[in-house]
PDB file of N, CA and C in Angstrom:
ATOM      1  N   MET A   1      -5.383  21.178 -12.414  1.00  0.00           N
ATOM      2  CA  MET A   1      -5.118  19.761 -12.686  1.00  0.00           C
ATOM      3  C   MET A   1      -6.291  18.951 -12.158  1.00  0.00           C
ATOM      4  N   ILE A   2      -6.895  18.161 -13.035  1.00  0.00           N
ATOM      5  CA  ILE A   2      -7.972  17.260 -12.631  1.00  0.00           C
ATOM      6  C   ILE A   2      -7.339  15.944 -12.191  1.00  0.00           C
ATOM      7  N   VAL A   3      -7.711  15.482 -11.009  1.00  0.00           N
ATOM      8  CA  VAL A   3      -7.218  14.209 -10.482  1.00  0.00           C
ATOM      9  C   VAL A   3      -8.443  13.383 -10.120  1.00  0.00           C
ATOM     10  N   THR A   4      -8.561  12.197 -10.715  1.00  0.00           N
ATOM     11  CA  THR A   4      -9.757  11.384 -10.502  1.00  0.00           C
ATOM     12  C   THR A   4      -9.423   9.892 -10.441  1.00  0.00           C
ATOM     13  N   THR A   5     -10.254   9.169  -9.716  1.00  0.00           N
ATOM     14  CA  THR A   5     -10.077   7.715  -9.640  1.00  0.00           C
ATOM     15  C   THR A   5     -10.694   7.012 -10.846  1.00  0.00           C
ATOM     16  N   THR A   6     -11.482   7.736 -11.629  1.00  0.00           N
ATOM     17  CA  THR A   6     -12.120   7.133 -12.801  1.00  0.00           C
ATOM     18  C   THR A   6     -11.141   7.065 -13.973  1.00  0.00           C
ATOM     19  N   GLN A   7     -11.487   6.286 -14.981  1.00  0.00           N
ATOM     20  CA  GLN A   7     -10.619   6.116 -16.146  1.00  0.00           C
ATOM     21  C   GLN A   7     -10.822   7.192 -17.195  1.00  0.00           C
ATOM     22  N   SER A   8     -11.830   8.025 -17.011  1.00  0.00           N
ATOM     23  CA  SER A   8     -12.113   9.107 -17.956  1.00  0.00           C
ATOM     24  C   SER A   8     -12.685  10.281 -17.170  1.00  0.00           C
ATOM     25  N   VAL A   9     -12.778  11.424 -17.852  1.00  0.00           N
ATOM     26  CA  VAL A   9     -13.351  12.628 -17.251  1.00  0.00           C
ATOM     27  C   VAL A   9     -14.525  13.036 -18.122  1.00  0.00           C
ATOM     28  N   GLU A  10     -15.701  13.055 -17.539  1.00  0.00           N
ATOM     29  CA  GLU A  10     -16.915  13.371 -18.292  1.00  0.00           C
ATOM     30  C   GLU A  10     -16.795  14.745 -18.948  1.00  0.00           C
ATOM     31  N   GLY A  11     -17.135  14.789 -20.228  1.00  0.00           N
ATOM     32  CA  GLY A  11     -17.078  16.038 -20.974  1.00  0.00           C
ATOM     33  C   GLY A  11     -15.744  16.288 -21.652  1.00  0.00           C
ATOM     34  N   TYR A  12     -14.771  15.410 -21.427  1.00  0.00           N
ATOM     35  CA  TYR A  12     -13.438  15.558 -22.024  1.00  0.00           C
ATOM     36  C   TYR A  12     -13.042  14.266 -22.717  1.00  0.00           C
ATOM     37  N   GLN A  13     -12.176  14.387 -23.691  1.00  0.00           N
ATOM     38  CA  GLN A  13     -11.561  13.214 -24.306  1.00  0.00           C
ATOM     39  C   GLN A  13     -10.076  13.239 -23.978  1.00  0.00           C
ATOM     40  N   ILE A  14      -9.510  12.056 -23.810  1.00  0.00           N
ATOM     41  CA  ILE A  14      -8.076  11.971 -23.570  1.00  0.00           C
ATOM     42  C   ILE A  14      -7.368  12.103 -24.914  1.00  0.00           C
ATOM     43  N   ALA A  15      -6.585  13.181 -25.052  1.00  0.00           N
ATOM     44  CA  ALA A  15      -5.880  13.451 -26.306  1.00  0.00           C
ATOM     45  C   ALA A  15      -4.511  12.783 -26.345  1.00  0.00           C
ATOM     46  N   ASP A  16      -3.894  12.579 -25.168  1.00  0.00           N
ATOM     47  CA  ASP A  16      -2.545  12.008 -25.128  1.00  0.00           C
ATOM     48  C   ASP A  16      -2.285  11.391 -23.760  1.00  0.00           C
ATOM     49  N   TYR A  17      -1.616  10.255 -23.771  1.00  0.00           N
ATOM     50  CA  TYR A  17      -1.200   9.588 -22.536  1.00  0.00           C
ATOM     51  C   TYR A  17       0.259   9.909 -22.291  1.00  0.00           C
ATOM     52  N   LYS A  18       0.579  10.381 -21.095  1.00  0.00           N
ATOM     53  CA  LYS A  18       1.950  10.781 -20.763  1.00  0.00           C
ATOM     54  C   LYS A  18       2.672   9.767 -19.886  1.00  0.00           C
ATOM     55  N   GLY A  19       1.971   8.762 -19.417  1.00  0.00           N
ATOM     56  CA  GLY A  19       2.610   7.707 -18.630  1.00  0.00           C
ATOM     57  C   GLY A  19       2.147   7.676 -17.185  1.00  0.00           C
ATOM     58  N   ILE A  20       2.645   6.689 -16.476  1.00  0.00           N
ATOM     59  CA  ILE A  20       2.293   6.484 -15.070  1.00  0.00           C
ATOM     60  C   ILE A  20       3.059   7.477 -14.207  1.00  0.00           C
ATOM     61  N   VAL A  21       2.368   8.040 -13.229  1.00  0.00           N
ATOM     62  CA  VAL A  21       2.999   8.932 -12.262  1.00  0.00           C
ATOM     63  C   VAL A  21       2.687   8.421 -10.857  1.00  0.00           C
ATOM     64  N   VAL A  22       3.618   8.665  -9.947  1.00  0.00           N
ATOM     65  CA  VAL A  22       3.477   8.204  -8.569  1.00  0.00           C
ATOM     66  C   VAL A  22       3.896   9.314  -7.626  1.00  0.00           C
ATOM     67  N   GLY A  23       3.163   9.453  -6.551  1.00  0.00           N
ATOM     68  CA  GLY A  23       3.536  10.350  -5.465  1.00  0.00           C
ATOM     69  C   GLY A  23       3.548   9.545  -4.182  1.00  0.00           C
ATOM     70  N   GLU A  24       4.564   9.751  -3.363  1.00  0.00           N
ATOM     71  CA  GLU A  24       4.686   8.977  -2.132  1.00  0.00           C
ATOM     72  C   GLU A  24       5.006   9.902  -0.968  1.00  0.00           C
ATOM     73  N   ALA A  25       4.532   9.518   0.199  1.00  0.00           N
ATOM     74  CA  ALA A  25       4.851  10.263   1.409  1.00  0.00           C
ATOM     75  C   ALA A  25       4.985   9.290   2.565  1.00  0.00           C
ATOM     76  N   ILE A  26       6.071   9.406   3.286  1.00  0.00           N
ATOM     77  CA  ILE A  26       6.273   8.614   4.498  1.00  0.00           C
ATOM     78  C   ILE A  26       6.391   9.607   5.641  1.00  0.00           C
ATOM     79  N   MET A  27       5.513   9.466   6.604  1.00  0.00           N
ATOM     80  CA  MET A  27       5.466  10.399   7.719  1.00  0.00           C
ATOM     81  C   MET A  27       5.664   9.637   9.028  1.00  0.00           C
ATOM     82  N   GLY A  28       6.508  10.171   9.869  1.00  0.00           N
ATOM     83  CA  GLY A  28       6.716   9.582  11.185  1.00  0.00           C
ATOM     84  C   GLY A  28       5.763  10.201  12.186  1.00  0.00           C
ATOM     85  N   ALA A  29       5.304   9.399  13.104  1.00  0.00           N
ATOM     86  CA  ALA A  29       4.465   9.900  14.197  1.00  0.00           C
ATOM     87  C   ALA A  29       5.336   9.936  15.442  1.00  0.00           C
ATOM     88  N   ASN A  30       5.303  11.052  16.157  1.00  0.00           N
ATOM     89  CA  ASN A  30       6.208  11.165  17.304  1.00  0.00           C
ATOM     90  C   ASN A  30       5.712  10.389  18.518  1.00  0.00           C
ATOM     91  N   VAL A  31       6.570  10.264  19.501  1.00  0.00           N
ATOM     92  CA  VAL A  31       6.295   9.442  20.678  1.00  0.00           C
ATOM     93  C   VAL A  31       5.091   9.955  21.461  1.00  0.00           C
ATOM     94  N   VAL A  32       4.948  11.262  21.609  1.00  0.00           N
ATOM     95  CA  VAL A  32       3.817  11.813  22.365  1.00  0.00           C
ATOM     96  C   VAL A  32       2.503  11.413  21.698  1.00  0.00           C
ATOM     97  N   ARG A  33       2.437  11.530  20.367  1.00  0.00           N
ATOM     98  CA  ARG A  33       1.223  11.118  19.661  1.00  0.00           C
ATOM     99  C   ARG A  33       0.968   9.628  19.852  1.00  0.00           C
ATOM    100  N   ASP A  34       2.037   8.819  19.812  1.00  0.00           N
ATOM    101  CA  ASP A  34       1.888   7.376  19.998  1.00  0.00           C
ATOM    102  C   ASP A  34       1.266   7.058  21.353  1.00  0.00           C
ATOM    103  N   VAL A  35       1.719   7.750  22.398  1.00  0.00           N
ATOM    104  CA  VAL A  35       1.194   7.515  23.745  1.00  0.00           C
ATOM    105  C   VAL A  35      -0.284   7.879  23.796  1.00  0.00           C
ATOM    106  N   PHE A  36      -0.643   9.072  23.311  1.00  0.00           N
ATOM    107  CA  PHE A  36      -2.046   9.480  23.342  1.00  0.00           C
ATOM    108  C   PHE A  36      -2.908   8.583  22.455  1.00  0.00           C
ATOM    109  N   ALA A  37      -2.394   8.150  21.329  1.00  0.00           N
ATOM    110  CA  ALA A  37      -3.139   7.244  20.457  1.00  0.00           C
ATOM    111  C   ALA A  37      -3.372   5.914  21.151  1.00  0.00           C
ATOM    112  N   SER A  38      -2.382   5.438  21.899  1.00  0.00           N
ATOM    113  CA  SER A  38      -2.529   4.179  22.641  1.00  0.00           C
ATOM    114  C   SER A  38      -3.632   4.304  23.682  1.00  0.00           C
ATOM    115  N   ILE A  39      -3.658   5.435  24.383  1.00  0.00           N
ATOM    116  CA  ILE A  39      -4.701   5.662  25.383  1.00  0.00           C
ATOM    117  C   ILE A  39      -6.065   5.702  24.708  1.00  0.00           C
ATOM    118  N   THR A  40      -6.157   6.391  23.588  1.00  0.00           N
ATOM    119  CA  THR A  40      -7.415   6.463  22.844  1.00  0.00           C
ATOM    120  C   THR A  40      -7.855   5.079  22.395  1.00  0.00           C
ATOM    121  N   ASP A  41      -6.894   4.266  21.934  1.00  0.00           N
ATOM    122  CA  ASP A  41      -7.224   2.916  21.489  1.00  0.00           C
ATOM    123  C   ASP A  41      -7.754   2.067  22.645  1.00  0.00           C
ATOM    124  N   ILE A  42      -7.205   2.269  23.843  1.00  0.00           N
ATOM    125  CA  ILE A  42      -7.623   1.487  25.010  1.00  0.00           C
ATOM    126  C   ILE A  42      -9.020   1.881  25.456  1.00  0.00           C
ATOM    127  N   VAL A  43      -9.290   3.172  25.549  1.00  0.00           N
ATOM    128  CA  VAL A  43     -10.584   3.639  26.048  1.00  0.00           C
ATOM    129  C   VAL A  43     -11.621   3.787  24.936  1.00  0.00           C
ATOM    130  N   GLY A  44     -11.207   3.636  23.722  1.00  0.00           N
ATOM    131  CA  GLY A  44     -12.131   3.755  22.589  1.00  0.00           C
ATOM    132  C   GLY A  44     -12.118   5.149  22.004  1.00  0.00           C
ATOM    133  N   GLY A  45     -12.721   5.286  20.862  1.00  0.00           N
ATOM    134  CA  GLY A  45     -12.769   6.588  20.213  1.00  0.00           C
ATOM    135  C   GLY A  45     -11.811   6.664  19.052  1.00  0.00           C
ATOM    136  N   ARG A  46     -11.765   7.835  18.450  1.00  0.00           N
ATOM    137  CA  ARG A  46     -10.915   8.045  17.281  1.00  0.00           C
ATOM    138  C   ARG A  46      -9.614   8.685  17.715  1.00  0.00           C
ATOM    139  N   SER A  47      -8.566   8.382  16.979  1.00  0.00           N
ATOM    140  CA  SER A  47      -7.266   8.968  17.249  1.00  0.00           C
ATOM    141  C   SER A  47      -7.044  10.145  16.307  1.00  0.00           C
ATOM    142  N   GLY A  48      -7.359  11.333  16.792  1.00  0.00           N
ATOM    143  CA  GLY A  48      -7.235  12.537  15.988  1.00  0.00           C
ATOM    144  C   GLY A  48      -5.817  12.797  15.531  1.00  0.00           C
ATOM    145  N   ALA A  49      -4.829  12.447  16.375  1.00  0.00           N
ATOM    146  CA  ALA A  49      -3.422  12.675  16.018  1.00  0.00           C
ATOM    147  C   ALA A  49      -3.045  11.859  14.793  1.00  0.00           C
ATOM    148  N   TYR A  50      -3.443  10.595  14.772  1.00  0.00           N
ATOM    149  CA  TYR A  50      -3.111   9.752  13.624  1.00  0.00           C
ATOM    150  C   TYR A  50      -3.919  10.138  12.393  1.00  0.00           C
ATOM    151  N   GLU A  51      -5.172  10.520  12.589  1.00  0.00           N
ATOM    152  CA  GLU A  51      -5.990  10.943  11.458  1.00  0.00           C
ATOM    153  C   GLU A  51      -5.382  12.169  10.789  1.00  0.00           C
ATOM    154  N   SER A  52      -4.899  13.095  11.600  1.00  0.00           N
ATOM    155  CA  SER A  52      -4.260  14.295  11.065  1.00  0.00           C
ATOM    156  C   SER A  52      -2.992  13.943  10.295  1.00  0.00           C
ATOM    157  N   LYS A  53      -2.185  13.041  10.850  1.00  0.00           N
ATOM    158  CA  LYS A  53      -0.943  12.636  10.200  1.00  0.00           C
ATOM    159  C   LYS A  53      -1.245  11.925   8.884  1.00  0.00           C
ATOM    160  N   LEU A  54      -2.266  11.095   8.878  1.00  0.00           N
ATOM    161  CA  LEU A  54      -2.662  10.379   7.666  1.00  0.00           C
ATOM    162  C   LEU A  54      -3.137  11.356   6.592  1.00  0.00           C
ATOM    163  N   GLN A  55      -3.902  12.358   6.989  1.00  0.00           N
ATOM    164  CA  GLN A  55      -4.369  13.385   6.047  1.00  0.00           C
ATOM    165  C   GLN A  55      -3.182  14.135   5.450  1.00  0.00           C
ATOM    166  N   ASP A  56      -2.201  14.488   6.292  1.00  0.00           N
ATOM    167  CA  ASP A  56      -0.996  15.175   5.804  1.00  0.00           C
ATOM    168  C   ASP A  56      -0.260  14.327   4.766  1.00  0.00           C
ATOM    169  N   ALA A  57      -0.118  13.035   5.058  1.00  0.00           N
ATOM    170  CA  ALA A  57       0.588  12.132   4.145  1.00  0.00           C
ATOM    171  C   ALA A  57      -0.169  12.002   2.826  1.00  0.00           C
ATOM    172  N   ARG A  58      -1.489  11.880   2.892  1.00  0.00           N
ATOM    173  CA  ARG A  58      -2.301  11.762   1.674  1.00  0.00           C
ATOM    174  C   ARG A  58      -2.201  13.035   0.832  1.00  0.00           C
ATOM    175  N   ASP A  59      -2.287  14.196   1.481  1.00  0.00           N
ATOM    176  CA  ASP A  59      -2.177  15.469   0.755  1.00  0.00           C
ATOM    177  C   ASP A  59      -0.812  15.605   0.082  1.00  0.00           C
ATOM    178  N   THR A  60       0.235  15.200   0.792  1.00  0.00           N
ATOM    179  CA  THR A  60       1.590  15.276   0.241  1.00  0.00           C
ATOM    180  C   THR A  60       1.744  14.358  -0.957  1.00  0.00           C
ATOM    181  N   ALA A  61       1.251  13.129  -0.850  1.00  0.00           N
ATOM    182  CA  ALA A  61       1.355  12.163  -1.954  1.00  0.00           C
ATOM    183  C   ALA A  61       0.590  12.659  -3.187  1.00  0.00           C
ATOM    184  N   LEU A  62      -0.597  13.204  -2.992  1.00  0.00           N
ATOM    185  CA  LEU A  62      -1.381  13.696  -4.124  1.00  0.00           C
ATOM    186  C   LEU A  62      -0.747  14.943  -4.745  1.00  0.00           C
ATOM    187  N   ARG A  63      -0.198  15.814  -3.921  1.00  0.00           N
ATOM    188  CA  ARG A  63       0.487  17.005  -4.443  1.00  0.00           C
ATOM    189  C   ARG A  63       1.700  16.596  -5.282  1.00  0.00           C
ATOM    190  N   GLU A  64       2.460  15.615  -4.798  1.00  0.00           N
ATOM    191  CA  GLU A  64       3.620  15.107  -5.541  1.00  0.00           C
ATOM    192  C   GLU A  64       3.179  14.462  -6.860  1.00  0.00           C
ATOM    193  N   LEU A  65       2.072  13.731  -6.824  1.00  0.00           N
ATOM    194  CA  LEU A  65       1.515  13.106  -8.032  1.00  0.00           C
ATOM    195  C   LEU A  65       1.194  14.177  -9.075  1.00  0.00           C
ATOM    196  N   GLU A  66       0.541  15.256  -8.640  1.00  0.00           N
ATOM    197  CA  GLU A  66       0.194  16.348  -9.557  1.00  0.00           C
ATOM    198  C   GLU A  66       1.440  17.015 -10.122  1.00  0.00           C
ATOM    199  N   GLU A  67       2.448  17.230  -9.290  1.00  0.00           N
ATOM    200  CA  GLU A  67       3.692  17.860  -9.755  1.00  0.00           C
ATOM    201  C   GLU A  67       4.371  17.016 -10.822  1.00  0.00           C
ATOM    202  N   ARG A  68       4.418  15.711 -10.606  1.00  0.00           N
ATOM    203  CA  ARG A  68       5.057  14.827 -11.579  1.00  0.00           C
ATOM    204  C   ARG A  68       4.270  14.765 -12.884  1.00  0.00           C
ATOM    205  N   ALA A  69       2.943  14.828 -12.795  1.00  0.00           N
ATOM    206  CA  ALA A  69       2.120  14.844 -13.998  1.00  0.00           C
ATOM    207  C   ALA A  69       2.358  16.136 -14.778  1.00  0.00           C
ATOM    208  N   ALA A  70       2.430  17.258 -14.078  1.00  0.00           N
ATOM    209  CA  ALA A  70       2.668  18.553 -14.733  1.00  0.00           C
ATOM    210  C   ALA A  70       4.036  18.563 -15.412  1.00  0.00           C
ATOM    211  N   GLU A  71       5.043  17.959 -14.783  1.00  0.00           N
ATOM    212  CA  GLU A  71       6.382  17.880 -15.387  1.00  0.00           C
ATOM    213  C   GLU A  71       6.358  17.130 -16.714  1.00  0.00           C
ATOM    214  N   LYS A  72       5.409  16.202 -16.865  1.00  0.00           N
ATOM    215  CA  LYS A  72       5.283  15.433 -18.105  1.00  0.00           C
ATOM    216  C   LYS A  72       4.407  16.145 -19.132  1.00  0.00           C
ATOM    217  N   GLY A  73       3.868  17.306 -18.764  1.00  0.00           N
ATOM    218  CA  GLY A  73       3.022  18.053 -19.683  1.00  0.00           C
ATOM    219  C   GLY A  73       1.552  17.669 -19.626  1.00  0.00           C
ATOM    220  N   ALA A  74       1.149  16.973 -18.582  1.00  0.00           N
ATOM    221  CA  ALA A  74      -0.240  16.542 -18.444  1.00  0.00           C
ATOM    222  C   ALA A  74      -1.079  17.630 -17.783  1.00  0.00           C
ATOM    223  N   ASN A  75      -2.387  17.573 -18.025  1.00  0.00           N
ATOM    224  CA  ASN A  75      -3.293  18.474 -17.322  1.00  0.00           C
ATOM    225  C   ASN A  75      -4.329  17.709 -16.499  1.00  0.00           C
ATOM    226  N   ALA A  76      -4.132  16.379 -16.398  1.00  0.00           N
ATOM    227  CA  ALA A  76      -5.018  15.549 -15.576  1.00  0.00           C
ATOM    228  C   ALA A  76      -4.309  14.229 -15.239  1.00  0.00           C
ATOM    229  N   VAL A  77      -4.818  13.590 -14.195  1.00  0.00           N
ATOM    230  CA  VAL A  77      -4.364  12.241 -13.835  1.00  0.00           C
ATOM    231  C   VAL A  77      -5.617  11.405 -13.638  1.00  0.00           C
ATOM    232  N   VAL A  78      -5.710  10.303 -14.370  1.00  0.00           N
ATOM    233  CA  VAL A  78      -6.874   9.422 -14.279  1.00  0.00           C
ATOM    234  C   VAL A  78      -6.472   8.090 -13.663  1.00  0.00           C
ATOM    235  N   GLY A  79      -7.479   7.366 -13.187  1.00  0.00           N
ATOM    236  CA  GLY A  79      -7.238   6.047 -12.617  1.00  0.00           C
ATOM    237  C   GLY A  79      -6.407   6.085 -11.350  1.00  0.00           C
ATOM    238  N   VAL A  80      -6.567   7.125 -10.550  1.00  0.00           N
ATOM    239  CA  VAL A  80      -5.744   7.275  -9.345  1.00  0.00           C
ATOM    240  C   VAL A  80      -6.108   6.225  -8.304  1.00  0.00           C
ATOM    241  N   ASP A  81      -5.070   5.644  -7.716  1.00  0.00           N
ATOM    242  CA  ASP A  81      -5.215   4.641  -6.657  1.00  0.00           C
ATOM    243  C   ASP A  81      -4.396   5.104  -5.465  1.00  0.00           C
ATOM    244  N   LEU A  82      -4.975   5.056  -4.283  1.00  0.00           N
ATOM    245  CA  LEU A  82      -4.271   5.403  -3.049  1.00  0.00           C
ATOM    246  C   LEU A  82      -4.021   4.139  -2.255  1.00  0.00           C
ATOM    247  N   ASP A  83      -2.785   3.945  -1.846  1.00  0.00           N
ATOM    248  CA  ASP A  83      -2.414   2.804  -1.022  1.00  0.00           C
ATOM    249  C   ASP A  83      -1.841   3.309   0.286  1.00  0.00           C
ATOM    250  N   TYR A  84      -2.162   2.615   1.370  1.00  0.00           N
ATOM    251  CA  TYR A  84      -1.692   2.979   2.705  1.00  0.00           C
ATOM    252  C   TYR A  84      -0.916   1.820   3.300  1.00  0.00           C
ATOM    253  N   GLU A  85       0.201   2.123   3.919  1.00  0.00           N
ATOM    254  CA  GLU A  85       1.030   1.095   4.551  1.00  0.00           C
ATOM    255  C   GLU A  85       1.573   1.625   5.866  1.00  0.00           C
ATOM    256  N   VAL A  86       1.841   0.726   6.788  1.00  0.00           N
ATOM    257  CA  VAL A  86       2.555   1.063   8.013  1.00  0.00           C
ATOM    258  C   VAL A  86       3.969   0.544   7.836  1.00  0.00           C
ATOM    259  N   VAL A  87       4.937   1.424   8.023  1.00  0.00           N
ATOM    260  CA  VAL A  87       6.342   1.065   7.873  1.00  0.00           C
ATOM    261  C   VAL A  87       6.971   1.108   9.266  1.00  0.00           C
ATOM    262  N   GLY A  88       7.565   0.006   9.679  1.00  0.00           N
ATOM    263  CA  GLY A  88       8.119  -0.033  11.030  1.00  0.00           C
ATOM    264  C   GLY A  88       6.988   0.020  12.041  1.00  0.00           C
ATOM    265  N   GLN A  89       7.260   0.685  13.164  1.00  0.00           N
ATOM    266  CA  GLN A  89       6.232   0.743  14.200  1.00  0.00           C
ATOM    267  C   GLN A  89       5.518   2.080  14.270  1.00  0.00           C
ATOM    268  N   SER A  90       6.077   3.112  13.662  1.00  0.00           N
ATOM    269  CA  SER A  90       5.409   4.410  13.791  1.00  0.00           C
ATOM    270  C   SER A  90       5.537   5.273  12.539  1.00  0.00           C
ATOM    271  N   MET A  91       5.691   4.638  11.391  1.00  0.00           N
ATOM    272  CA  MET A  91       5.774   5.384  10.133  1.00  0.00           C
ATOM    273  C   MET A  91       4.560   5.052   9.284  1.00  0.00           C
ATOM    274  N   LEU A  92       3.977   6.085   8.692  1.00  0.00           N
ATOM    275  CA  LEU A  92       2.836   5.921   7.803  1.00  0.00           C
ATOM    276  C   LEU A  92       3.278   6.237   6.387  1.00  0.00           C
ATOM    277  N   MET A  93       2.927   5.379   5.439  1.00  0.00           N
ATOM    278  CA  MET A  93       3.263   5.626   4.047  1.00  0.00           C
ATOM    279  C   MET A  93       1.986   5.654   3.222  1.00  0.00           C
ATOM    280  N   VAL A  94       1.883   6.683   2.403  1.00  0.00           N
ATOM    281  CA  VAL A  94       0.775   6.784   1.456  1.00  0.00           C
ATOM    282  C   VAL A  94       1.380   6.888   0.069  1.00  0.00           C
ATOM    283  N   SER A  95       0.882   6.077  -0.839  1.00  0.00           N
ATOM    284  CA  SER A  95       1.335   6.093  -2.213  1.00  0.00           C
ATOM    285  C   SER A  95       0.131   6.367  -3.112  1.00  0.00           C
ATOM    286  N   ALA A  96       0.276   7.337  -4.002  1.00  0.00           N
ATOM    287  CA  ALA A  96      -0.779   7.666  -4.962  1.00  0.00           C
ATOM    288  C   ALA A  96      -0.217   7.436  -6.357  1.00  0.00           C
ATOM    289  N   SER A  97      -0.920   6.664  -7.184  1.00  0.00           N
ATOM    290  CA  SER A  97      -0.456   6.403  -8.541  1.00  0.00           C
ATOM    291  C   SER A  97      -1.625   6.560  -9.508  1.00  0.00           C
ATOM    292  N   GLY A  98      -1.267   6.905 -10.742  1.00  0.00           N
ATOM    293  CA  GLY A  98      -2.284   7.074 -11.765  1.00  0.00           C
ATOM    294  C   GLY A  98      -1.636   7.298 -13.124  1.00  0.00           C
ATOM    295  N   THR A  99      -2.434   7.567 -14.121  1.00  0.00           N
ATOM    296  CA  THR A  99      -1.949   7.808 -15.469  1.00  0.00           C
ATOM    297  C   THR A  99      -2.079   9.290 -15.802  1.00  0.00           C
ATOM    298  N   ALA A 100      -0.945   9.913 -16.124  1.00  0.00           N
ATOM    299  CA  ALA A 100      -0.944  11.314 -16.519  1.00  0.00           C
ATOM    300  C   ALA A 100      -1.436  11.416 -17.958  1.00  0.00           C
ATOM    301  N   VAL A 101      -2.381  12.323 -18.194  1.00  0.00           N
ATOM    302  CA  VAL A 101      -2.965  12.474 -19.523  1.00  0.00           C
ATOM    303  C   VAL A 101      -3.146  13.950 -19.871  1.00  0.00           C
ATOM    304  N   VAL A 102      -3.337  14.180 -21.169  1.00  0.00           N
ATOM    305  CA  VAL A 102      -3.725  15.504 -21.644  1.00  0.00           C
ATOM    306  C   VAL A 102      -5.173  15.401 -22.092  1.00  0.00           C
ATOM    307  N   LEU A 103      -6.006  16.207 -21.506  1.00  0.00           N
ATOM    308  CA  LEU A 103      -7.417  16.220 -21.885  1.00  0.00           C
ATOM    309  C   LEU A 103      -7.621  17.228 -22.998  1.00  0.00           C
ATOM    310  N   GLY A 104      -8.413  16.845 -23.987  1.00  0.00           N
ATOM    311  CA  GLY A 104      -8.685  17.734 -25.100  1.00  0.00           C
ATOM    312  C   GLY A 104     -10.101  18.176 -25.136  1.00  0.00           C
TER     313      GLY A 104
END
């Protein structure tokens, strides 16, 4: 499955549009990570715990996006957009959306 932020895929033509697909992931960060992230924020540096959690959420959202596109009979998703949100005080949400297509 080709997944791209562009509206087309070089070397291919879009033969059919299957519709909009969305993948979402909401991940909670536990209290221990929150404490260590707070310390990191105070003394400076990167928060590896949050970066890892964000990567997990992004991977999950994109995997779900691909699954939904495949269910529609698509072999690619174009125009993909990733959105990030904080839900509550310790929840991370990643939403991936795009157009499922059949490349010919």
